[in-house]
Amino acid sequence: HTFVYTPAIDVWSIGCIFAEVLTGKPLFPGKNVVHQLDLMTDLLGTPSMDTISRVRNEKAR
């Protein structure tokens, strides 16, 4: 699988930054990359197996 950079990534980033500006605190204050992904999936739900298979970091997957 290859990573494709799309405008959706920029929109996601802007949304996260905007939420942090509004609340004054980190949206996903993870202690490490795996914890941060756990926080995101707690909020957004579990991604499809196809999406999970594209995660390069084995521990995060």
PDB file of N, CA and C in Angstrom:
ATOM      1  N   HIS A   1       0.839  -1.188   0.000  1.00  0.00           N
ATOM      2  CA  HIS A   1       0.000   0.000   0.000  1.00  0.00           C
ATOM      3  C   HIS A   1       0.881   1.247   0.000  1.00  0.00           C
ATOM      4  N   THR A   2       0.471   2.232  -0.752  1.00  0.00           N
ATOM      5  CA  THR A   2       1.198   3.491  -0.743  1.00  0.00           C
ATOM      6  C   THR A   2       0.340   4.570  -0.112  1.00  0.00           C
ATOM      7  N   PHE A   3       0.999   5.550   0.465  1.00  0.00           N
ATOM      8  CA  PHE A   3       0.300   6.645   1.120  1.00  0.00           C
ATOM      9  C   PHE A   3       0.011   7.719   0.089  1.00  0.00           C
ATOM     10  N   VAL A   4      -1.241   8.122  -0.008  1.00  0.00           N
ATOM     11  CA  VAL A   4      -1.633   9.170  -0.940  1.00  0.00           C
ATOM     12  C   VAL A   4      -2.035  10.400  -0.130  1.00  0.00           C
ATOM     13  N   TYR A   5      -1.323  11.485  -0.349  1.00  0.00           N
ATOM     14  CA  TYR A   5      -1.633  12.736   0.340  1.00  0.00           C
ATOM     15  C   TYR A   5      -2.741  13.440  -0.423  1.00  0.00           C
ATOM     16  N   THR A   6      -3.853  13.688   0.242  1.00  0.00           N
ATOM     17  CA  THR A   6      -4.993  14.354  -0.396  1.00  0.00           C
ATOM     18  C   THR A   6      -5.392  15.576   0.429  1.00  0.00           C
ATOM     19  N   PRO A   7      -6.226  16.454  -0.118  1.00  0.00           N
ATOM     20  CA  PRO A   7      -6.711  17.602   0.648  1.00  0.00           C
ATOM     21  C   PRO A   7      -7.465  17.198   1.919  1.00  0.00           C
ATOM     22  N   ALA A   8      -7.985  15.992   1.965  1.00  0.00           N
ATOM     23  CA  ALA A   8      -8.698  15.529   3.156  1.00  0.00           C
ATOM     24  C   ALA A   8      -7.785  15.553   4.384  1.00  0.00           C
ATOM     25  N   ILE A   9      -6.508  15.295   4.192  1.00  0.00           N
ATOM     26  CA  ILE A   9      -5.550  15.324   5.296  1.00  0.00           C
ATOM     27  C   ILE A   9      -5.419  16.744   5.837  1.00  0.00           C
ATOM     28  N   ASP A  10      -5.386  17.722   4.943  1.00  0.00           N
ATOM     29  CA  ASP A  10      -5.317  19.119   5.367  1.00  0.00           C
ATOM     30  C   ASP A  10      -6.587  19.527   6.111  1.00  0.00           C
ATOM     31  N   VAL A  11      -7.734  19.088   5.634  1.00  0.00           N
ATOM     32  CA  VAL A  11      -9.003  19.417   6.286  1.00  0.00           C
ATOM     33  C   VAL A  11      -9.037  18.808   7.690  1.00  0.00           C
ATOM     34  N   TRP A  12      -8.598  17.563   7.822  1.00  0.00           N
ATOM     35  CA  TRP A  12      -8.527  16.900   9.132  1.00  0.00           C
ATOM     36  C   TRP A  12      -7.633  17.714  10.074  1.00  0.00           C
ATOM     37  N   SER A  13      -6.455  18.104   9.583  1.00  0.00           N
ATOM     38  CA  SER A  13      -5.507  18.852  10.407  1.00  0.00           C
ATOM     39  C   SER A  13      -6.083  20.194  10.846  1.00  0.00           C
ATOM     40  N   ILE A  14      -6.698  20.906   9.922  1.00  0.00           N
ATOM     41  CA  ILE A  14      -7.292  22.203  10.248  1.00  0.00           C
ATOM     42  C   ILE A  14      -8.402  22.033  11.276  1.00  0.00           C
ATOM     43  N   GLY A  15      -9.214  20.990  11.117  1.00  0.00           N
ATOM     44  CA  GLY A  15     -10.287  20.728  12.077  1.00  0.00           C
ATOM     45  C   GLY A  15      -9.745  20.458  13.466  1.00  0.00           C
ATOM     46  N   CYS A  16      -8.678  19.671  13.547  1.00  0.00           N
ATOM     47  CA  CYS A  16      -8.065  19.380  14.852  1.00  0.00           C
ATOM     48  C   CYS A  16      -7.488  20.642  15.477  1.00  0.00           C
ATOM     49  N   ILE A  17      -6.799  21.432  14.675  1.00  0.00           N
ATOM     50  CA  ILE A  17      -6.217  22.673  15.189  1.00  0.00           C
ATOM     51  C   ILE A  17      -7.317  23.623  15.645  1.00  0.00           C
ATOM     52  N   PHE A  18      -8.381  23.746  14.869  1.00  0.00           N
ATOM     53  CA  PHE A  18      -9.488  24.628  15.229  1.00  0.00           C
ATOM     54  C   PHE A  18     -10.130  24.193  16.548  1.00  0.00           C
ATOM     55  N   ALA A  19     -10.326  22.890  16.714  1.00  0.00           N
ATOM     56  CA  ALA A  19     -10.895  22.381  17.963  1.00  0.00           C
ATOM     57  C   ALA A  19      -9.983  22.698  19.145  1.00  0.00           C
ATOM     58  N   GLU A  20      -8.688  22.593  18.939  1.00  0.00           N
ATOM     59  CA  GLU A  20      -7.737  22.897  20.010  1.00  0.00           C
ATOM     60  C   GLU A  20      -7.727  24.386  20.344  1.00  0.00           C
ATOM     61  N   VAL A  21      -7.882  25.236  19.338  1.00  0.00           N
ATOM     62  CA  VAL A  21      -7.949  26.677  19.579  1.00  0.00           C
ATOM     63  C   VAL A  21      -9.208  27.004  20.380  1.00  0.00           C
ATOM     64  N   LEU A  22     -10.320  26.385  20.022  1.00  0.00           N
ATOM     65  CA  LEU A  22     -11.582  26.652  20.708  1.00  0.00           C
ATOM     66  C   LEU A  22     -11.585  26.159  22.156  1.00  0.00           C
ATOM     67  N   THR A  23     -11.002  24.989  22.389  1.00  0.00           N
ATOM     68  CA  THR A  23     -11.042  24.401  23.734  1.00  0.00           C
ATOM     69  C   THR A  23      -9.839  24.789  24.583  1.00  0.00           C
ATOM     70  N   GLY A  24      -8.759  25.204  23.941  1.00  0.00           N
ATOM     71  CA  GLY A  24      -7.549  25.557  24.674  1.00  0.00           C
ATOM     72  C   GLY A  24      -6.765  24.366  25.175  1.00  0.00           C
ATOM     73  N   LYS A  25      -7.055  23.183  24.627  1.00  0.00           N
ATOM     74  CA  LYS A  25      -6.318  21.984  25.041  1.00  0.00           C
ATOM     75  C   LYS A  25      -6.208  21.017  23.860  1.00  0.00           C
ATOM     76  N   PRO A  26      -5.276  20.088  23.933  1.00  0.00           N
ATOM     77  CA  PRO A  26      -5.103  19.126  22.833  1.00  0.00           C
ATOM     78  C   PRO A  26      -6.357  18.281  22.627  1.00  0.00           C
ATOM     79  N   LEU A  27      -6.685  18.035  21.379  1.00  0.00           N
ATOM     80  CA  LEU A  27      -7.849  17.219  21.048  1.00  0.00           C
ATOM     81  C   LEU A  27      -7.583  15.740  21.319  1.00  0.00           C
ATOM     82  N   PHE A  28      -6.400  15.287  20.966  1.00  0.00           N
ATOM     83  CA  PHE A  28      -6.005  13.898  21.182  1.00  0.00           C
ATOM     84  C   PHE A  28      -4.671  13.888  21.935  1.00  0.00           C
ATOM     85  N   PRO A  29      -4.694  14.071  23.262  1.00  0.00           N
ATOM     86  CA  PRO A  29      -3.452  14.197  24.028  1.00  0.00           C
ATOM     87  C   PRO A  29      -2.793  12.850  24.313  1.00  0.00           C
ATOM     88  N   GLY A  30      -2.376  12.184  23.268  1.00  0.00           N
ATOM     89  CA  GLY A  30      -1.780  10.867  23.421  1.00  0.00           C
ATOM     90  C   GLY A  30      -0.410  10.903  24.065  1.00  0.00           C
ATOM     91  N   LYS A  31      -0.114   9.844  24.806  1.00  0.00           N
ATOM     92  CA  LYS A  31       1.192   9.703  25.450  1.00  0.00           C
ATOM     93  C   LYS A  31       2.225   9.165  24.465  1.00  0.00           C
ATOM     94  N   ASN A  32       1.750   8.505  23.415  1.00  0.00           N
ATOM     95  CA  ASN A  32       2.595   7.981  22.343  1.00  0.00           C
ATOM     96  C   ASN A  32       1.682   7.759  21.131  1.00  0.00           C
ATOM     97  N   VAL A  33       2.241   7.320  20.025  1.00  0.00           N
ATOM     98  CA  VAL A  33       1.451   7.187  18.791  1.00  0.00           C
ATOM     99  C   VAL A  33       0.308   6.179  18.950  1.00  0.00           C
ATOM    100  N   VAL A  34       0.546   5.089  19.655  1.00  0.00           N
ATOM    101  CA  VAL A  34      -0.493   4.069  19.829  1.00  0.00           C
ATOM    102  C   VAL A  34      -1.624   4.613  20.706  1.00  0.00           C
ATOM    103  N   HIS A  35      -1.275   5.285  21.794  1.00  0.00           N
ATOM    104  CA  HIS A  35      -2.295   5.862  22.670  1.00  0.00           C
ATOM    105  C   HIS A  35      -3.103   6.920  21.917  1.00  0.00           C
ATOM    106  N   GLN A  36      -2.436   7.712  21.095  1.00  0.00           N
ATOM    107  CA  GLN A  36      -3.132   8.735  20.328  1.00  0.00           C
ATOM    108  C   GLN A  36      -4.119   8.095  19.348  1.00  0.00           C
ATOM    109  N   LEU A  37      -3.729   7.021  18.707  1.00  0.00           N
ATOM    110  CA  LEU A  37      -4.656   6.307  17.814  1.00  0.00           C
ATOM    111  C   LEU A  37      -5.829   5.727  18.592  1.00  0.00           C
ATOM    112  N   ASP A  38      -5.569   5.224  19.793  1.00  0.00           N
ATOM    113  CA  ASP A  38      -6.659   4.726  20.645  1.00  0.00           C
ATOM    114  C   ASP A  38      -7.667   5.829  20.947  1.00  0.00           C
ATOM    115  N   LEU A  39      -7.162   7.028  21.265  1.00  0.00           N
ATOM    116  CA  LEU A  39      -8.053   8.150  21.547  1.00  0.00           C
ATOM    117  C   LEU A  39      -8.900   8.509  20.322  1.00  0.00           C
ATOM    118  N   MET A  40      -8.287   8.483  19.148  1.00  0.00           N
ATOM    119  CA  MET A  40      -9.019   8.802  17.911  1.00  0.00           C
ATOM    120  C   MET A  40     -10.096   7.766  17.616  1.00  0.00           C
ATOM    121  N   THR A  41      -9.749   6.490  17.778  1.00  0.00           N
ATOM    122  CA  THR A  41     -10.749   5.454  17.480  1.00  0.00           C
ATOM    123  C   THR A  41     -11.849   5.424  18.528  1.00  0.00           C
ATOM    124  N   ASP A  42     -11.539   5.812  19.762  1.00  0.00           N
ATOM    125  CA  ASP A  42     -12.593   5.930  20.782  1.00  0.00           C
ATOM    126  C   ASP A  42     -13.632   6.956  20.341  1.00  0.00           C
ATOM    127  N   LEU A  43     -13.177   8.041  19.737  1.00  0.00           N
ATOM    128  CA  LEU A  43     -14.076   9.106  19.304  1.00  0.00           C
ATOM    129  C   LEU A  43     -14.756   8.788  17.966  1.00  0.00           C
ATOM    130  N   LEU A  44     -13.981   8.259  17.021  1.00  0.00           N
ATOM    131  CA  LEU A  44     -14.458   8.107  15.648  1.00  0.00           C
ATOM    132  C   LEU A  44     -14.926   6.700  15.282  1.00  0.00           C
ATOM    133  N   GLY A  45     -14.620   5.723  16.120  1.00  0.00           N
ATOM    134  CA  GLY A  45     -14.974   4.342  15.802  1.00  0.00           C
ATOM    135  C   GLY A  45     -13.794   3.618  15.186  1.00  0.00           C
ATOM    136  N   THR A  46     -13.930   2.323  15.085  1.00  0.00           N
ATOM    137  CA  THR A  46     -12.862   1.486  14.552  1.00  0.00           C
ATOM    138  C   THR A  46     -12.840   1.562  13.031  1.00  0.00           C
ATOM    139  N   PRO A  47     -11.689   1.820  12.443  1.00  0.00           N
ATOM    140  CA  PRO A  47     -11.594   1.866  10.984  1.00  0.00           C
ATOM    141  C   PRO A  47     -11.750   0.474  10.371  1.00  0.00           C
ATOM    142  N   SER A  48     -11.997   0.451   9.074  1.00  0.00           N
ATOM    143  CA  SER A  48     -12.141  -0.819   8.361  1.00  0.00           C
ATOM    144  C   SER A  48     -10.813  -1.575   8.358  1.00  0.00           C
ATOM    145  N   MET A  49     -10.875  -2.870   8.109  1.00  0.00           N
ATOM    146  CA  MET A  49      -9.659  -3.682   8.034  1.00  0.00           C
ATOM    147  C   MET A  49      -8.752  -3.191   6.908  1.00  0.00           C
ATOM    148  N   ASP A  50      -9.342  -2.688   5.819  1.00  0.00           N
ATOM    149  CA  ASP A  50      -8.549  -2.159   4.715  1.00  0.00           C
ATOM    150  C   ASP A  50      -7.738  -0.958   5.182  1.00  0.00           C
ATOM    151  N   THR A  51      -8.362  -0.078   5.938  1.00  0.00           N
ATOM    152  CA  THR A  51      -7.664   1.091   6.464  1.00  0.00           C
ATOM    153  C   THR A  51      -6.587   0.672   7.454  1.00  0.00           C
ATOM    154  N   ILE A  52      -6.914  -0.243   8.332  1.00  0.00           N
ATOM    155  CA  ILE A  52      -5.944  -0.715   9.330  1.00  0.00           C
ATOM    156  C   ILE A  52      -4.735  -1.341   8.646  1.00  0.00           C
ATOM    157  N   SER A  53      -4.959  -2.063   7.574  1.00  0.00           N
ATOM    158  CA  SER A  53      -3.847  -2.728   6.881  1.00  0.00           C
ATOM    159  C   SER A  53      -2.874  -1.725   6.279  1.00  0.00           C
ATOM    160  N   ARG A  54      -3.283  -0.480   6.117  1.00  0.00           N
ATOM    161  CA  ARG A  54      -2.411   0.553   5.546  1.00  0.00           C
ATOM    162  C   ARG A  54      -1.531   1.234   6.595  1.00  0.00           C
ATOM    163  N   VAL A  55      -1.772   0.942   7.868  1.00  0.00           N
ATOM    164  CA  VAL A  55      -0.950   1.529   8.941  1.00  0.00           C
ATOM    165  C   VAL A  55       0.392   0.806   8.922  1.00  0.00           C
ATOM    166  N   ARG A  56       1.455   1.564   8.736  1.00  0.00           N
ATOM    167  CA  ARG A  56       2.789   0.968   8.601  1.00  0.00           C
ATOM    168  C   ARG A  56       3.356   0.488   9.929  1.00  0.00           C
ATOM    169  N   ASN A  57       3.055   1.199  11.000  1.00  0.00           N
ATOM    170  CA  ASN A  57       3.600   0.860  12.309  1.00  0.00           C
ATOM    171  C   ASN A  57       2.891  -0.385  12.835  1.00  0.00           C
ATOM    172  N   GLU A  58       3.632  -1.472  12.991  1.00  0.00           N
ATOM    173  CA  GLU A  58       3.047  -2.753  13.402  1.00  0.00           C
ATOM    174  C   GLU A  58       2.381  -2.659  14.779  1.00  0.00           C
ATOM    175  N   LYS A  59       3.020  -1.957  15.718  1.00  0.00           N
ATOM    176  CA  LYS A  59       2.440  -1.819  17.052  1.00  0.00           C
ATOM    177  C   LYS A  59       1.116  -1.050  17.004  1.00  0.00           C
ATOM    178  N   ALA A  60       1.068  -0.015  16.183  1.00  0.00           N
ATOM    179  CA  ALA A  60      -0.170   0.759  16.056  1.00  0.00           C
ATOM    180  C   ALA A  60      -1.253  -0.060  15.380  1.00  0.00           C
ATOM    181  N   ARG A  61      -0.890  -0.856  14.403  1.00  0.00           N
ATOM    182  CA  ARG A  61      -1.859  -1.689  13.684  1.00  0.00           C
ATOM    183  C   ARG A  61      -2.447  -2.703  14.633  1.00  0.00           C
TER     184      ARG A  61
END
